[in-house]
Amino acid sequence: MRKTASKTATKAAQQLDKLLAQIALDHLFIETLATRNSDSLDFHDVSVWGVKSALMAAYQAGLAAGQNTAAKTADQPTSQQAA
């Protein structure tokens, strides 16, 4: 069971990394969030409206994820309901 939880956590982390990279690309025009050990590649000039747009996208993604989790939890019967 421990391996399953670890795989789930790893998959969730990978999905989050992919989502954040897509937000960075779509809203800030940053091609990768990987550290490249070069100031010219690791630091970016971005507009405040781009930052705001990226933050809103991240907020909306978190809100949607929370609603999906709540819906899944609501659909599952509790142990008292199942008994």
PDB file of N, CA and C in Angstrom:
ATOM      1  N   MET A   1       0.826  -1.196   0.000  1.00  0.00           N
ATOM      2  CA  MET A   1       0.000   0.000   0.000  1.00  0.00           C
ATOM      3  C   MET A   1       0.869   1.258   0.000  1.00  0.00           C
ATOM      4  N   ARG A   2       2.013   1.172   0.626  1.00  0.00           N
ATOM      5  CA  ARG A   2       2.897   2.320   0.682  1.00  0.00           C
ATOM      6  C   ARG A   2       3.390   2.715  -0.711  1.00  0.00           C
ATOM      7  N   LYS A   3       3.676   1.720  -1.566  1.00  0.00           N
ATOM      8  CA  LYS A   3       4.131   2.004  -2.922  1.00  0.00           C
ATOM      9  C   LYS A   3       3.048   2.719  -3.718  1.00  0.00           C
ATOM     10  N   THR A   4       1.794   2.339  -3.519  1.00  0.00           N
ATOM     11  CA  THR A   4       0.683   2.978  -4.222  1.00  0.00           C
ATOM     12  C   THR A   4       0.579   4.444  -3.831  1.00  0.00           C
ATOM     13  N   ALA A   5       0.697   4.733  -2.550  1.00  0.00           N
ATOM     14  CA  ALA A   5       0.636   6.118  -2.083  1.00  0.00           C
ATOM     15  C   ALA A   5       1.798   6.923  -2.647  1.00  0.00           C
ATOM     16  N   SER A   6       2.962   6.309  -2.714  1.00  0.00           N
ATOM     17  CA  SER A   6       4.137   6.977  -3.259  1.00  0.00           C
ATOM     18  C   SER A   6       3.964   7.261  -4.747  1.00  0.00           C
ATOM     19  N   LYS A   7       3.420   6.298  -5.482  1.00  0.00           N
ATOM     20  CA  LYS A   7       3.176   6.490  -6.915  1.00  0.00           C
ATOM     21  C   LYS A   7       2.149   7.589  -7.135  1.00  0.00           C
ATOM     22  N   THR A   8       1.122   7.618  -6.296  1.00  0.00           N
ATOM     23  CA  THR A   8       0.082   8.641  -6.405  1.00  0.00           C
ATOM     24  C   THR A   8       0.669  10.022  -6.144  1.00  0.00           C
ATOM     25  N   ALA A   9       1.509  10.120  -5.109  1.00  0.00           N
ATOM     26  CA  ALA A   9       2.134  11.402  -4.785  1.00  0.00           C
ATOM     27  C   ALA A   9       3.058  11.851  -5.911  1.00  0.00           C
ATOM     28  N   THR A  10       3.810  10.918  -6.469  1.00  0.00           N
ATOM     29  CA  THR A  10       4.712  11.249  -7.579  1.00  0.00           C
ATOM     30  C   THR A  10       3.922  11.699  -8.794  1.00  0.00           C
ATOM     31  N   LYS A  11       2.825  11.007  -9.097  1.00  0.00           N
ATOM     32  CA  LYS A  11       1.993  11.382 -10.240  1.00  0.00           C
ATOM     33  C   LYS A  11       1.382  12.766 -10.022  1.00  0.00           C
ATOM     34  N   ALA A  12       0.929  13.037  -8.810  1.00  0.00           N
ATOM     35  CA  ALA A  12       0.354  14.345  -8.500  1.00  0.00           C
ATOM     36  C   ALA A  12       1.402  15.443  -8.636  1.00  0.00           C
ATOM     37  N   ALA A  13       2.616  15.182  -8.179  1.00  0.00           N
ATOM     38  CA  ALA A  13       3.695  16.163  -8.294  1.00  0.00           C
ATOM     39  C   ALA A  13       4.035  16.421  -9.761  1.00  0.00           C
ATOM     40  N   GLN A  14       4.043  15.374 -10.563  1.00  0.00           N
ATOM     41  CA  GLN A  14       4.317  15.531 -11.994  1.00  0.00           C
ATOM     42  C   GLN A  14       3.222  16.330 -12.684  1.00  0.00           C
ATOM     43  N   GLN A  15       1.974  16.078 -12.314  1.00  0.00           N
ATOM     44  CA  GLN A  15       0.856  16.827 -12.898  1.00  0.00           C
ATOM     45  C   GLN A  15       0.938  18.298 -12.506  1.00  0.00           C
ATOM     46  N   LEU A  16       1.303  18.556 -11.247  1.00  0.00           N
ATOM     47  CA  LEU A  16       1.444  19.942 -10.792  1.00  0.00           C
ATOM     48  C   LEU A  16       2.573  20.637 -11.538  1.00  0.00           C
ATOM     49  N   ASP A  17       3.708  19.971 -11.686  1.00  0.00           N
ATOM     50  CA  ASP A  17       4.826  20.556 -12.428  1.00  0.00           C
ATOM     51  C   ASP A  17       4.421  20.887 -13.858  1.00  0.00           C
ATOM     52  N   LYS A  18       3.686  19.983 -14.480  1.00  0.00           N
ATOM     53  CA  LYS A  18       3.231  20.206 -15.858  1.00  0.00           C
ATOM     54  C   LYS A  18       2.275  21.401 -15.926  1.00  0.00           C
ATOM     55  N   LEU A  19       1.358  21.480 -14.972  1.00  0.00           N
ATOM     56  CA  LEU A  19       0.414  22.597 -14.935  1.00  0.00           C
ATOM     57  C   LEU A  19       1.136  23.925 -14.739  1.00  0.00           C
ATOM     58  N   LEU A  20       2.061  23.978 -13.792  1.00  0.00           N
ATOM     59  CA  LEU A  20       2.798  25.218 -13.535  1.00  0.00           C
ATOM     60  C   LEU A  20       3.638  25.623 -14.746  1.00  0.00           C
ATOM     61  N   ALA A  21       4.250  24.653 -15.404  1.00  0.00           N
ATOM     62  CA  ALA A  21       5.033  24.952 -16.603  1.00  0.00           C
ATOM     63  C   ALA A  21       4.135  25.505 -17.709  1.00  0.00           C
ATOM     64  N   GLN A  22       2.932  24.952 -17.836  1.00  0.00           N
ATOM     65  CA  GLN A  22       2.008  25.439 -18.865  1.00  0.00           C
ATOM     66  C   GLN A  22       1.534  26.855 -18.544  1.00  0.00           C
ATOM     67  N   ILE A  23       1.264  27.141 -17.281  1.00  0.00           N
ATOM     68  CA  ILE A  23       0.868  28.498 -16.873  1.00  0.00           C
ATOM     69  C   ILE A  23       2.010  29.466 -17.151  1.00  0.00           C
ATOM     70  N   ALA A  24       3.232  29.080 -16.808  1.00  0.00           N
ATOM     71  CA  ALA A  24       4.392  29.940 -17.051  1.00  0.00           C
ATOM     72  C   ALA A  24       4.555  30.233 -18.537  1.00  0.00           C
ATOM     73  N   LEU A  25       4.345  29.236 -19.361  1.00  0.00           N
ATOM     74  CA  LEU A  25       4.466  29.421 -20.807  1.00  0.00           C
ATOM     75  C   LEU A  25       3.337  30.296 -21.349  1.00  0.00           C
ATOM     76  N   ASP A  26       2.110  29.983 -20.962  1.00  0.00           N
ATOM     77  CA  ASP A  26       0.941  30.689 -21.507  1.00  0.00           C
ATOM     78  C   ASP A  26       0.853  32.144 -21.063  1.00  0.00           C
ATOM     79  N   HIS A  27       1.224  32.428 -19.821  1.00  0.00           N
ATOM     80  CA  HIS A  27       0.993  33.750 -19.266  1.00  0.00           C
ATOM     81  C   HIS A  27       2.253  34.602 -19.126  1.00  0.00           C
ATOM     82  N   LEU A  28       3.397  33.952 -18.980  1.00  0.00           N
ATOM     83  CA  LEU A  28       4.638  34.693 -18.745  1.00  0.00           C
ATOM     84  C   LEU A  28       5.648  34.499 -19.875  1.00  0.00           C
ATOM     85  N   PHE A  29       5.319  33.626 -20.823  1.00  0.00           N
ATOM     86  CA  PHE A  29       6.168  33.331 -21.969  1.00  0.00           C
ATOM     87  C   PHE A  29       7.537  32.797 -21.536  1.00  0.00           C
ATOM     88  N   ILE A  30       7.529  32.029 -20.448  1.00  0.00           N
ATOM     89  CA  ILE A  30       8.736  31.371 -19.944  1.00  0.00           C
ATOM     90  C   ILE A  30       8.690  29.929 -20.436  1.00  0.00           C
ATOM     91  N   GLU A  31       9.691  29.532 -21.191  1.00  0.00           N
ATOM     92  CA  GLU A  31       9.686  28.229 -21.859  1.00  0.00           C
ATOM     93  C   GLU A  31       9.847  27.051 -20.909  1.00  0.00           C
ATOM     94  N   THR A  32      10.593  27.225 -19.834  1.00  0.00           N
ATOM     95  CA  THR A  32      10.800  26.125 -18.893  1.00  0.00           C
ATOM     96  C   THR A  32      10.979  26.681 -17.486  1.00  0.00           C
ATOM     97  N   LEU A  33      10.584  25.905 -16.506  1.00  0.00           N
ATOM     98  CA  LEU A  33      10.804  26.278 -15.119  1.00  0.00           C
ATOM     99  C   LEU A  33      12.017  25.546 -14.533  1.00  0.00           C
ATOM    100  N   ALA A  34      12.727  24.815 -15.377  1.00  0.00           N
ATOM    101  CA  ALA A  34      13.929  24.115 -14.937  1.00  0.00           C
ATOM    102  C   ALA A  34      15.059  25.120 -14.734  1.00  0.00           C
ATOM    103  N   THR A  35      15.823  24.918 -13.688  1.00  0.00           N
ATOM    104  CA  THR A  35      16.995  25.748 -13.441  1.00  0.00           C
ATOM    105  C   THR A  35      18.056  25.409 -14.471  1.00  0.00           C
ATOM    106  N   ARG A  36      18.587  26.466 -15.098  1.00  0.00           N
ATOM    107  CA  ARG A  36      19.594  26.235 -16.136  1.00  0.00           C
ATOM    108  C   ARG A  36      20.956  26.837 -15.763  1.00  0.00           C
ATOM    109  N   ASN A  37      21.057  27.345 -14.535  1.00  0.00           N
ATOM    110  CA  ASN A  37      22.320  27.865 -13.994  1.00  0.00           C
ATOM    111  C   ASN A  37      22.945  28.959 -14.859  1.00  0.00           C
ATOM    112  N   SER A  38      22.083  29.823 -15.345  1.00  0.00           N
ATOM    113  CA  SER A  38      22.535  30.968 -16.134  1.00  0.00           C
ATOM    114  C   SER A  38      21.568  32.111 -15.859  1.00  0.00           C
ATOM    115  N   ASP A  39      22.100  33.239 -15.423  1.00  0.00           N
ATOM    116  CA  ASP A  39      21.220  34.372 -15.108  1.00  0.00           C
ATOM    117  C   ASP A  39      20.336  34.759 -16.278  1.00  0.00           C
ATOM    118  N   SER A  40      20.887  34.731 -17.473  1.00  0.00           N
ATOM    119  CA  SER A  40      20.100  35.152 -18.637  1.00  0.00           C
ATOM    120  C   SER A  40      18.976  34.167 -18.953  1.00  0.00           C
ATOM    121  N   LEU A  41      19.108  32.925 -18.475  1.00  0.00           N
ATOM    122  CA  LEU A  41      18.074  31.928 -18.720  1.00  0.00           C
ATOM    123  C   LEU A  41      17.150  31.715 -17.518  1.00  0.00           C
ATOM    124  N   ASP A  42      17.640  32.003 -16.322  1.00  0.00           N
ATOM    125  CA  ASP A  42      16.869  31.717 -15.110  1.00  0.00           C
ATOM    126  C   ASP A  42      16.092  32.912 -14.573  1.00  0.00           C
ATOM    127  N   PHE A  43      16.412  34.115 -15.020  1.00  0.00           N
ATOM    128  CA  PHE A  43      15.696  35.317 -14.575  1.00  0.00           C
ATOM    129  C   PHE A  43      15.007  35.940 -15.779  1.00  0.00           C
ATOM    130  N   HIS A  44      13.763  36.376 -15.567  1.00  0.00           N
ATOM    131  CA  HIS A  44      12.949  36.878 -16.675  1.00  0.00           C
ATOM    132  C   HIS A  44      12.308  38.205 -16.316  1.00  0.00           C
ATOM    133  N   ASP A  45      12.201  39.084 -17.290  1.00  0.00           N
ATOM    134  CA  ASP A  45      11.419  40.312 -17.146  1.00  0.00           C
ATOM    135  C   ASP A  45      10.000  39.977 -17.569  1.00  0.00           C
ATOM    136  N   VAL A  46       9.059  40.195 -16.647  1.00  0.00           N
ATOM    137  CA  VAL A  46       7.656  39.919 -16.961  1.00  0.00           C
ATOM    138  C   VAL A  46       6.812  41.113 -16.551  1.00  0.00           C
ATOM    139  N   SER A  47       5.723  41.286 -17.243  1.00  0.00           N
ATOM    140  CA  SER A  47       4.823  42.396 -16.933  1.00  0.00           C
ATOM    141  C   SER A  47       3.976  42.072 -15.699  1.00  0.00           C
ATOM    142  N   VAL A  48       3.498  43.114 -15.041  1.00  0.00           N
ATOM    143  CA  VAL A  48       2.643  42.889 -13.871  1.00  0.00           C
ATOM    144  C   VAL A  48       1.327  42.250 -14.289  1.00  0.00           C
ATOM    145  N   TRP A  49       0.818  42.588 -15.473  1.00  0.00           N
ATOM    146  CA  TRP A  49      -0.430  41.967 -15.923  1.00  0.00           C
ATOM    147  C   TRP A  49      -0.203  40.493 -16.276  1.00  0.00           C
ATOM    148  N   GLY A  50       1.001  40.155 -16.710  1.00  0.00           N
ATOM    149  CA  GLY A  50       1.328  38.754 -16.948  1.00  0.00           C
ATOM    150  C   GLY A  50       1.386  37.965 -15.645  1.00  0.00           C
ATOM    151  N   VAL A  51       1.982  38.580 -14.622  1.00  0.00           N
ATOM    152  CA  VAL A  51       2.034  37.944 -13.299  1.00  0.00           C
ATOM    153  C   VAL A  51       0.621  37.766 -12.760  1.00  0.00           C
ATOM    154  N   LYS A  52      -0.198  38.809 -12.897  1.00  0.00           N
ATOM    155  CA  LYS A  52      -1.579  38.721 -12.407  1.00  0.00           C
ATOM    156  C   LYS A  52      -2.336  37.620 -13.140  1.00  0.00           C
ATOM    157  N   SER A  53      -2.159  37.549 -14.441  1.00  0.00           N
ATOM    158  CA  SER A  53      -2.824  36.522 -15.240  1.00  0.00           C
ATOM    159  C   SER A  53      -2.375  35.121 -14.836  1.00  0.00           C
ATOM    160  N   ALA A  54      -1.079  34.953 -14.588  1.00  0.00           N
ATOM    161  CA  ALA A  54      -0.552  33.653 -14.169  1.00  0.00           C
ATOM    162  C   ALA A  54      -1.074  33.279 -12.787  1.00  0.00           C
ATOM    163  N   LEU A  55      -1.131  34.243 -11.879  1.00  0.00           N
ATOM    164  CA  LEU A  55      -1.657  33.970 -10.545  1.00  0.00           C
ATOM    165  C   LEU A  55      -3.135  33.603 -10.599  1.00  0.00           C
ATOM    166  N   MET A  56      -3.889  34.286 -11.446  1.00  0.00           N
ATOM    167  CA  MET A  56      -5.311  33.956 -11.593  1.00  0.00           C
ATOM    168  C   MET A  56      -5.490  32.547 -12.164  1.00  0.00           C
ATOM    169  N   ALA A  57      -4.659  32.187 -13.130  1.00  0.00           N
ATOM    170  CA  ALA A  57      -4.740  30.841 -13.712  1.00  0.00           C
ATOM    171  C   ALA A  57      -4.415  29.778 -12.663  1.00  0.00           C
ATOM    172  N   ALA A  58      -3.406  30.038 -11.839  1.00  0.00           N
ATOM    173  CA  ALA A  58      -3.042  29.089 -10.779  1.00  0.00           C
ATOM    174  C   ALA A  58      -4.160  28.997  -9.744  1.00  0.00           C
ATOM    175  N   TYR A  59      -4.750  30.134  -9.397  1.00  0.00           N
ATOM    176  CA  TYR A  59      -5.859  30.140  -8.444  1.00  0.00           C
ATOM    177  C   TYR A  59      -7.044  29.340  -8.996  1.00  0.00           C
ATOM    178  N   GLN A  60      -7.386  29.580 -10.248  1.00  0.00           N
ATOM    179  CA  GLN A  60      -8.513  28.874 -10.867  1.00  0.00           C
ATOM    180  C   GLN A  60      -8.246  27.368 -10.934  1.00  0.00           C
ATOM    181  N   ALA A  61      -7.010  26.986 -11.224  1.00  0.00           N
ATOM    182  CA  ALA A  61      -6.657  25.569 -11.274  1.00  0.00           C
ATOM    183  C   ALA A  61      -6.798  24.938  -9.888  1.00  0.00           C
ATOM    184  N   GLY A  62      -6.357  25.649  -8.858  1.00  0.00           N
ATOM    185  CA  GLY A  62      -6.499  25.143  -7.492  1.00  0.00           C
ATOM    186  C   GLY A  62      -7.952  25.049  -7.073  1.00  0.00           C
ATOM    187  N   LEU A  63      -8.735  26.035  -7.436  1.00  0.00           N
ATOM    188  CA  LEU A  63     -10.158  26.028  -7.124  1.00  0.00           C
ATOM    189  C   LEU A  63     -10.850  24.842  -7.797  1.00  0.00           C
ATOM    190  N   ALA A  64     -10.537  24.618  -9.059  1.00  0.00           N
ATOM    191  CA  ALA A  64     -11.131  23.489  -9.787  1.00  0.00           C
ATOM    192  C   ALA A  64     -10.699  22.160  -9.174  1.00  0.00           C
ATOM    193  N   ALA A  65      -9.441  22.053  -8.790  1.00  0.00           N
ATOM    194  CA  ALA A  65      -8.956  20.812  -8.174  1.00  0.00           C
ATOM    195  C   ALA A  65      -9.659  20.566  -6.842  1.00  0.00           C
ATOM    196  N   GLY A  66      -9.868  21.605  -6.065  1.00  0.00           N
ATOM    197  CA  GLY A  66     -10.574  21.467  -4.796  1.00  0.00           C
ATOM    198  C   GLY A  66     -12.016  21.055  -4.999  1.00  0.00           C
ATOM    199  N   GLN A  67     -12.663  21.612  -6.008  1.00  0.00           N
ATOM    200  CA  GLN A  67     -14.052  21.251  -6.287  1.00  0.00           C
ATOM    201  C   GLN A  67     -14.146  19.798  -6.771  1.00  0.00           C
ATOM    202  N   ASN A  68     -13.172  19.366  -7.569  1.00  0.00           N
ATOM    203  CA  ASN A  68     -13.163  17.974  -8.035  1.00  0.00           C
ATOM    204  C   ASN A  68     -12.964  17.023  -6.862  1.00  0.00           C
ATOM    205  N   THR A  69     -12.075  17.368  -5.947  1.00  0.00           N
ATOM    206  CA  THR A  69     -11.829  16.530  -4.772  1.00  0.00           C
ATOM    207  C   THR A  69     -13.069  16.470  -3.896  1.00  0.00           C
ATOM    208  N   ALA A  70     -13.724  17.614  -3.706  1.00  0.00           N
ATOM    209  CA  ALA A  70     -14.934  17.655  -2.882  1.00  0.00           C
ATOM    210  C   ALA A  70     -16.045  16.824  -3.526  1.00  0.00           C
ATOM    211  N   ALA A  71     -16.155  16.895  -4.842  1.00  0.00           N
ATOM    212  CA  ALA A  71     -17.198  16.130  -5.540  1.00  0.00           C
ATOM    213  C   ALA A  71     -16.929  14.632  -5.425  1.00  0.00           C
ATOM    214  N   LYS A  72     -15.671  14.226  -5.548  1.00  0.00           N
ATOM    215  CA  LYS A  72     -15.325  12.810  -5.422  1.00  0.00           C
ATOM    216  C   LYS A  72     -15.606  12.319  -4.003  1.00  0.00           C
ATOM    217  N   THR A  73     -15.289  13.143  -3.018  1.00  0.00           N
ATOM    218  CA  THR A  73     -15.529  12.782  -1.619  1.00  0.00           C
ATOM    219  C   THR A  73     -17.020  12.666  -1.349  1.00  0.00           C
ATOM    220  N   ALA A  74     -17.807  13.555  -1.914  1.00  0.00           N
ATOM    221  CA  ALA A  74     -19.258  13.544  -1.713  1.00  0.00           C
ATOM    222  C   ALA A  74     -19.891  12.322  -2.366  1.00  0.00           C
ATOM    223  N   ASP A  75     -19.298  11.848  -3.455  1.00  0.00           N
ATOM    224  CA  ASP A  75     -19.843  10.681  -4.160  1.00  0.00           C
ATOM    225  C   ASP A  75     -19.546   9.356  -3.455  1.00  0.00           C
ATOM    226  N   GLN A  76     -18.534   9.344  -2.590  1.00  0.00           N
ATOM    227  CA  GLN A  76     -18.168   8.107  -1.902  1.00  0.00           C
ATOM    228  C   GLN A  76     -18.951   7.971  -0.605  1.00  0.00           C
ATOM    229  N   PRO A  77     -19.569   6.831  -0.380  1.00  0.00           N
ATOM    230  CA  PRO A  77     -20.302   6.649   0.880  1.00  0.00           C
ATOM    231  C   PRO A  77     -19.339   6.549   2.055  1.00  0.00           C
ATOM    232  N   THR A  78     -19.724   7.093   3.189  1.00  0.00           N
ATOM    233  CA  THR A  78     -18.912   6.968   4.389  1.00  0.00           C
ATOM    234  C   THR A  78     -19.081   5.567   4.947  1.00  0.00           C
ATOM    235  N   SER A  79     -18.240   5.191   5.881  1.00  0.00           N
ATOM    236  CA  SER A  79     -18.332   3.849   6.459  1.00  0.00           C
ATOM    237  C   SER A  79     -19.633   3.666   7.204  1.00  0.00           C
ATOM    238  N   GLN A  80     -20.199   4.722   7.772  1.00  0.00           N
ATOM    239  CA  GLN A  80     -21.480   4.628   8.459  1.00  0.00           C
ATOM    240  C   GLN A  80     -22.617   4.415   7.470  1.00  0.00           C
ATOM    241  N   GLN A  81     -22.547   5.083   6.308  1.00  0.00           N
ATOM    242  CA  GLN A  81     -23.584   4.937   5.307  1.00  0.00           C
ATOM    243  C   GLN A  81     -23.547   3.550   4.681  1.00  0.00           C
ATOM    244  N   ALA A  82     -22.362   2.991   4.549  1.00  0.00           N
ATOM    245  CA  ALA A  82     -22.211   1.690   3.913  1.00  0.00           C
ATOM    246  C   ALA A  82     -22.688   0.569   4.837  1.00  0.00           C
ATOM    247  N   ALA A  83     -22.646   0.791   6.139  1.00  0.00           N
ATOM    248  CA  ALA A  83     -23.011  -0.271   7.101  1.00  0.00           C
ATOM    249  C   ALA A  83     -24.489  -0.417   7.266  1.00  0.00           C
TER     250      ALA A  83
END
